[in-house]
Protein backbone atom coordinates (compact mmCIF):
# COMPACT_ATOMS: atom_id res chain seq x y z
CA MET A 1 -67.87 -45.98 20.27
CA THR A 2 -65.52 -48.70 19.02
CA PHE A 3 -61.85 -49.53 19.38
CA ASP A 4 -59.70 -49.89 16.29
CA PRO A 5 -56.90 -52.36 17.19
CA ASN A 6 -54.84 -51.40 14.14
CA ASP A 7 -54.42 -47.78 15.21
CA ASN A 8 -54.81 -48.22 18.97
CA LEU A 9 -57.37 -45.44 18.78
CA GLU A 10 -60.89 -45.19 20.06
CA VAL A 11 -63.24 -44.47 17.19
CA VAL A 12 -66.24 -42.31 18.02
CA VAL A 13 -69.29 -43.04 15.92
CA VAL A 14 -70.85 -39.70 15.03
CA ARG A 15 -74.63 -39.55 15.27
CA PRO A 16 -76.50 -38.18 12.23
CA VAL A 17 -77.95 -35.28 14.25
CA THR A 18 -74.45 -34.26 15.38
CA ASN A 19 -73.21 -34.47 11.81
CA GLU A 20 -76.07 -32.25 10.61
CA VAL A 21 -75.58 -29.62 13.33
CA VAL A 22 -71.82 -29.36 12.79
CA GLU A 23 -72.14 -29.21 9.00
CA THR A 24 -74.79 -26.46 9.33
CA GLU A 25 -73.03 -24.39 11.99
CA MET A 26 -69.46 -24.73 10.74
CA VAL A 27 -69.83 -23.92 7.06
CA GLY A 28 -66.49 -22.97 5.58
CA GLU A 29 -64.38 -24.71 8.23
CA THR A 30 -61.88 -27.43 7.38
CA ASP A 31 -62.95 -31.06 7.27
CA GLU A 32 -60.50 -31.86 10.06
CA LEU A 33 -61.99 -29.19 12.34
CA LYS A 34 -65.51 -30.43 11.61
CA ARG A 35 -64.51 -34.06 12.20
CA GLU A 36 -62.86 -33.25 15.54
CA THR A 37 -65.85 -31.13 16.62
CA LYS A 38 -68.26 -33.94 15.77
CA ALA A 39 -66.15 -36.42 17.71
CA LEU A 40 -65.97 -34.03 20.68
CA ILE A 41 -69.74 -33.49 20.76
CA ASP A 42 -70.51 -37.20 20.60
CA ALA A 43 -67.77 -38.00 23.14
CA ILE A 44 -69.40 -35.48 25.51
CA LYS A 45 -72.81 -37.09 24.92
CA ASN A 46 -71.37 -40.55 25.52
CA ARG A 47 -69.57 -39.45 28.69
CA ALA A 48 -72.66 -37.77 30.07
CA GLN A 49 -74.80 -40.83 29.36
CA THR A 50 -72.22 -43.18 30.86
CA GLU A 51 -71.94 -41.07 34.02
CA ALA A 52 -75.70 -40.82 34.31
CA GLN A 53 -76.18 -44.55 33.84
CA SER A 54 -73.46 -45.40 36.33
CA ALA A 55 -75.23 -43.20 38.88
CA GLY A 56 -78.35 -45.30 38.59
CA THR A 57 -81.56 -44.68 36.75
CA LEU A 58 -81.37 -42.29 33.85
CA THR A 59 -83.55 -39.47 35.11
CA ARG A 60 -83.71 -36.02 33.64
CA GLU A 61 -82.02 -34.50 36.71
CA THR A 62 -79.25 -37.10 36.70
CA TYR A 63 -78.66 -36.59 32.99
CA LEU A 64 -78.60 -32.78 33.35
CA SER A 65 -76.20 -33.06 36.26
CA ALA A 66 -73.89 -35.35 34.27
CA VAL A 67 -74.02 -33.05 31.23
CA ARG A 68 -73.28 -30.05 33.44
CA GLN A 69 -70.32 -31.82 35.03
CA ALA A 70 -68.94 -32.81 31.63
CA ARG A 71 -69.34 -29.24 30.33
CA GLU A 72 -67.65 -27.77 33.41
CA ALA A 73 -64.76 -30.20 33.09
CA ILE A 74 -64.32 -29.24 29.43
CA GLU A 75 -64.55 -25.53 30.22
CA ARG A 76 -61.92 -25.90 32.95
CA ASP A 77 -59.67 -27.74 30.51
CA LYS A 78 -60.32 -25.09 27.86
CA LEU A 79 -59.48 -22.27 30.29
CA ILE A 80 -56.29 -23.99 31.34
CA GLU A 81 -55.32 -24.50 27.70
CA ARG A 82 -56.18 -20.90 26.84
CA ASP A 83 -54.08 -19.65 29.77
CA ARG A 84 -51.17 -21.86 28.72
CA ILE A 85 -51.44 -20.67 25.13
CA GLU A 86 -51.62 -17.01 26.20
CA ARG A 87 -48.60 -17.40 28.51
CA SER A 88 -46.66 -19.16 25.76
CA TRP A 89 -47.55 -16.42 23.27
CA ALA A 90 -46.48 -13.72 25.73
CA THR A 91 -43.17 -15.53 26.26
CA VAL A 92 -42.62 -15.83 22.51
CA GLN A 93 -43.38 -12.12 22.07
CA GLN A 94 -40.98 -11.15 24.88
CA GLU A 95 -38.22 -13.32 23.45
CA ALA A 96 -38.82 -11.95 19.94
CA GLU A 97 -38.65 -8.36 21.21
CA SER A 98 -35.52 -9.10 23.22
CA ASN A 99 -33.86 -10.79 20.24
CA TRP A 100 -34.89 -7.89 17.99
CA HIS A 101 -33.33 -5.35 20.36
CA LEU A 102 -30.13 -7.42 20.60
CA LEU A 103 -30.00 -7.71 16.82
CA MET A 104 -30.47 -3.95 16.37
CA LYS A 105 -27.77 -3.29 18.99
CA GLU A 106 -25.35 -5.65 17.24
CA ILE A 107 -26.12 -4.12 13.83
CA GLY A 108 -25.47 -0.66 15.30
CA GLU A 109 -22.19 -1.78 16.86
CA PHE A 110 -21.16 -3.46 13.60
CA GLY A 111 -21.97 -0.27 11.69
CA ASP A 112 -19.87 1.76 14.14
CA ARG A 113 -16.97 -0.68 13.75
CA VAL A 114 -17.20 -0.59 9.93
CA GLN A 115 -17.28 3.20 10.05
CA ALA A 116 -14.25 3.30 12.39
CA ALA A 117 -12.39 0.82 10.18
CA GLY A 118 -13.21 2.90 7.09
CA LYS A 119 -12.02 6.08 8.81
CA ALA A 120 -8.82 4.35 9.96
CA ALA A 121 -8.20 3.07 6.41
CA TRP A 122 -8.86 6.53 4.96
CA ASP A 123 -6.55 8.19 7.48
CA ALA A 124 -3.84 5.61 6.78
CA PHE A 125 -4.26 6.08 3.03
CA ASN A 126 -4.06 9.87 3.27
CA ALA A 127 -1.32 10.04 5.88
CA PRO A 128 1.84 11.79 4.74
CA VAL A 129 4.59 9.44 3.78
CA SER A 130 7.51 9.96 6.10
CA GLY A 131 11.11 9.51 5.15
CA LYS A 132 10.95 10.74 1.58
């Protein structure tokens, strides 16, 4: 992992094995989606290794524990995001339905007013002329 001072971004170096797996498993996906997936996988690997190394010797159990913790953290984040997206979508749907009903009500009222205005104009046009 390197830091690019021009963009103020952390650049994740994608391992060849990650590249191969993503290219094989995500055939037909956009390059951006593949690139982000590769970066995510290697970031997870890096985080797990860093956590395992900071805990002491890199044993299989320590590594598995670190990987498990990283996965659980990502799954929690994913669930929170999914819940937020679902709530947002439900809100958008409710607002769209409400706006649709208001629009239909206003169109109906406008139609009634046009009809009443037309009837009033017709009645005025056909009214007997008084005084002659």
